[in-house]
Structure formats: structure tokens, C-alpha cells
Amino acid sequence: MNELGTTKAPWHLWVLAILGLLWFAGGANDYVQTQMRNQDYLGMMAESVDVPLQTILDYYGDFPAWADAMWAIGVWGSVLGAILLLARSRFAFHSFIASIIGLIGTTIYTTTSDMPAALNTTFSLIFTIVIWITVIGFAFYARRMTAAGVLK
């Protein structure tokens, strides 16, 4: 604690917040490119899983509004959470909880929707698990840093 009564931020806060922001910004880019129906971006995805671009456009175009909203909350909640970690705000935890809620909704939709088989791969399952672990990990970390007096 310094003379102002605040706890000094440990080095790992800065490293994790920056790495988290970069990771979550990747998800934000994916969300924006998909919502904008960027055919160059989605074409790369279609090519990587060997399906026609129209299959990708149709699948994401058919998302109901509630699933799009959950996806947005999940993505932007995590980006905001990383920014709030950098700002040393205790509200980072709340932002990551919002992200988890969005991730719950998105996961419910994607696991119950009629996803094309080419998109429903082991890689996509593993990637989803990594996203879950990352967001939950950041929520726990933000909670721990708040309890330690690092986030105010």
C-alpha cells in the first residue's frame, strides 16, 4: 500500500489485462466481421472448413435476435472487462460476469441450432471450451484483484 492508501498493481495485472484485451479483441473482430457479413473474412472461414460461403452466410444470418444479443454481450463484456482491468476498476468482475451470461446464451443457441456439420467440429468445440476457460479465469482473477484491494 502506498501513502494514498491504494494497493500497488502487481506486474501480472498489466500482462494479463493486455493479453486479455488482445485475445478478446480477436473475438470482437470476429463478431463485427460476421455481423457486417464481410464476405472476404467469412470466405476465409468457409474455405478453411470446405463449405460454400453461402452456408456460412445463411447460418449466421439466421441467428435470432436474442442469440445475436447474447453473442454481443459475451464479446463486448469481455473486451470491456479487460479495459476495466487496465483501468483498475472493480467493475471488471461485473463485466466478465455479463460476458459469461452472454456466453451461456450463445452456447445454448449454438448447441441447439441446426449448425452445418462442417462448422460443428472438434476444433470448434475445443475453441469454445478455451473461450469458457478464459472468460471464467478472468472473472476469478478480477474478483481476486478486487478482494486484494488492487481494483477499486
Protein backbone atom coordinates (compact mmCIF):
# COMPACT_ATOMS: atom_id res chain seq x y z
CA MET A 1 0.00 0.00 0.00
CA ASN A 2 1.27 3.47 -0.82
CA GLU A 3 0.80 6.78 1.01
CA LEU A 4 -2.53 7.32 -0.77
CA GLY A 5 -3.92 4.12 0.74
CA THR A 6 -4.09 2.21 -2.53
CA THR A 7 -2.51 -1.13 -3.26
CA LYS A 8 0.11 -1.15 -5.99
CA ALA A 9 -0.89 -3.14 -9.06
CA PRO A 10 1.18 -6.29 -9.47
CA TRP A 11 3.03 -6.79 -12.75
CA HIS A 12 0.75 -9.69 -13.70
CA LEU A 13 -2.28 -7.39 -13.76
CA TRP A 14 -0.79 -5.43 -16.66
CA VAL A 15 0.40 -8.52 -18.51
CA LEU A 16 -2.93 -10.35 -18.16
CA ALA A 17 -5.04 -7.28 -18.94
CA ILE A 18 -3.10 -6.56 -22.13
CA LEU A 19 -3.08 -10.21 -23.23
CA GLY A 20 -6.78 -10.45 -22.38
CA LEU A 21 -7.58 -7.32 -24.34
CA LEU A 22 -5.75 -8.70 -27.38
CA TRP A 23 -7.50 -12.10 -27.07
CA PHE A 24 -10.96 -10.61 -26.54
CA ALA A 25 -10.41 -8.06 -29.32
CA GLY A 26 -10.00 -11.05 -31.66
CA GLY A 27 -13.47 -12.19 -30.64
CA ALA A 28 -14.80 -8.67 -31.13
CA ASN A 29 -13.31 -8.59 -34.62
CA ASP A 30 -14.96 -11.91 -35.43
CA TYR A 31 -18.28 -10.59 -34.16
CA VAL A 32 -18.06 -7.36 -36.18
CA GLN A 33 -16.91 -9.09 -39.37
CA THR A 34 -19.72 -11.63 -39.06
CA GLN A 35 -22.38 -9.04 -38.29
CA MET A 36 -21.22 -6.92 -41.24
CA ARG A 37 -21.33 -10.04 -43.44
CA ASN A 38 -17.78 -9.36 -44.61
CA GLN A 39 -17.54 -11.85 -47.44
CA ASP A 40 -13.74 -11.76 -47.58
CA TYR A 41 -13.50 -12.61 -43.88
CA LEU A 42 -16.29 -15.19 -43.95
CA GLY A 43 -14.93 -16.59 -47.19
CA MET A 44 -11.70 -17.48 -45.38
CA MET A 45 -13.76 -19.31 -42.77
CA ALA A 46 -15.77 -21.11 -45.45
CA GLU A 47 -12.59 -22.11 -47.26
CA SER A 48 -10.95 -23.40 -44.07
CA VAL A 49 -13.86 -25.78 -43.40
CA ASP A 50 -14.51 -26.51 -47.07
CA VAL A 51 -18.09 -25.26 -47.31
CA PRO A 52 -19.66 -22.76 -49.68
CA LEU A 53 -19.64 -19.15 -48.44
CA GLN A 54 -23.43 -19.14 -48.69
CA THR A 55 -23.60 -21.84 -45.99
CA ILE A 56 -21.74 -19.54 -43.58
CA LEU A 57 -23.85 -16.52 -44.58
CA ASP A 58 -27.08 -18.47 -44.13
CA TYR A 59 -26.11 -19.91 -40.75
CA TYR A 60 -25.08 -16.61 -39.18
CA GLY A 61 -27.85 -14.73 -41.00
CA ASP A 62 -30.44 -16.99 -39.38
CA PHE A 63 -29.32 -16.23 -35.80
CA PRO A 64 -32.38 -15.00 -33.88
CA ALA A 65 -32.10 -11.54 -32.32
CA TRP A 66 -31.73 -12.97 -28.81
CA ALA A 67 -28.74 -15.11 -29.88
CA ASP A 68 -27.10 -12.13 -31.58
CA ALA A 69 -27.68 -10.11 -28.41
CA MET A 70 -26.13 -12.84 -26.24
CA TRP A 71 -23.15 -13.02 -28.58
CA ALA A 72 -22.73 -9.24 -28.38
CA ILE A 73 -22.94 -9.26 -24.57
CA GLY A 74 -20.41 -12.07 -24.39
CA VAL A 75 -17.94 -10.41 -26.74
CA TRP A 76 -18.20 -6.81 -25.61
CA GLY A 77 -18.45 -7.75 -21.93
CA SER A 78 -15.06 -9.42 -22.11
CA VAL A 79 -13.48 -6.56 -24.06
CA LEU A 80 -14.83 -4.07 -21.52
CA GLY A 81 -13.67 -6.32 -18.68
CA ALA A 82 -10.09 -6.25 -19.97
CA ILE A 83 -10.25 -2.46 -20.38
CA LEU A 84 -11.59 -2.14 -16.83
CA LEU A 85 -8.73 -4.30 -15.56
CA LEU A 86 -6.33 -1.85 -17.19
CA ALA A 87 -8.24 0.99 -15.52
CA ARG A 88 -8.03 -0.92 -12.21
CA SER A 89 -11.79 -0.83 -11.81
CA ARG A 90 -13.60 -3.34 -9.63
CA PHE A 91 -16.34 -3.34 -12.27
CA ALA A 92 -14.10 -5.57 -14.40
CA PHE A 93 -15.57 -8.51 -12.47
CA HIS A 94 -19.13 -7.45 -13.30
CA SER A 95 -18.23 -7.06 -16.94
CA PHE A 96 -16.79 -10.57 -17.07
CA ILE A 97 -19.95 -11.90 -15.40
CA ALA A 98 -22.01 -10.21 -18.13
CA SER A 99 -19.71 -11.86 -20.65
CA ILE A 100 -20.33 -15.26 -19.05
CA ILE A 101 -24.09 -14.67 -19.26
CA GLY A 102 -23.71 -13.84 -22.95
CA LEU A 103 -21.56 -16.93 -23.42
CA ILE A 104 -24.23 -19.08 -21.78
CA GLY A 105 -26.85 -17.77 -24.21
CA THR A 106 -24.58 -18.15 -27.22
CA THR A 107 -23.62 -21.68 -26.21
CA ILE A 108 -27.25 -22.66 -25.72
CA TYR A 109 -28.10 -21.40 -29.19
CA THR A 110 -25.13 -22.93 -30.99
CA THR A 111 -25.59 -26.33 -29.33
CA THR A 112 -29.33 -26.46 -30.09
CA SER A 113 -29.35 -24.85 -33.53
CA ASP A 114 -29.17 -26.62 -36.85
CA MET A 115 -25.46 -25.89 -37.29
CA PRO A 116 -23.96 -27.17 -40.54
CA ALA A 117 -21.89 -30.29 -39.86
CA ALA A 118 -18.79 -28.67 -41.35
CA LEU A 119 -18.93 -25.98 -38.65
CA ASN A 120 -19.64 -28.42 -35.82
CA THR A 121 -16.11 -29.77 -35.49
CA THR A 122 -13.83 -30.93 -32.71
CA PHE A 123 -11.81 -27.75 -33.25
CA SER A 124 -14.88 -25.56 -32.71
CA LEU A 125 -15.72 -27.49 -29.52
CA ILE A 126 -12.18 -27.10 -28.19
CA PHE A 127 -12.17 -23.41 -29.13
CA THR A 128 -15.46 -22.90 -27.27
CA ILE A 129 -14.01 -24.62 -24.20
CA VAL A 130 -10.94 -22.35 -24.37
CA ILE A 131 -13.22 -19.30 -24.52
CA TRP A 132 -15.16 -20.54 -21.48
CA ILE A 133 -11.96 -21.17 -19.51
CA THR A 134 -10.55 -17.78 -20.45
CA VAL A 135 -13.62 -15.74 -19.52
CA ILE A 136 -14.19 -17.63 -16.25
CA GLY A 137 -10.49 -17.31 -15.44
CA PHE A 138 -10.57 -13.57 -16.00
CA ALA A 139 -13.70 -13.24 -13.84
CA PHE A 140 -11.99 -15.09 -10.98
CA TYR A 141 -8.85 -13.02 -11.46
CA ALA A 142 -10.81 -9.75 -11.37
CA ARG A 143 -12.60 -10.91 -8.22
CA ARG A 144 -9.28 -11.81 -6.59
CA MET A 145 -7.72 -8.46 -7.50
CA THR A 146 -10.78 -6.66 -6.12
CA ALA A 147 -10.53 -8.60 -2.84
CA ALA A 148 -6.83 -7.76 -2.65
CA GLY A 149 -7.62 -4.05 -3.00
CA VAL A 150 -5.90 -3.73 -6.37
CA LEU A 151 -9.11 -2.90 -8.23
CA LYS A 152 -11.15 -0.04 -6.80
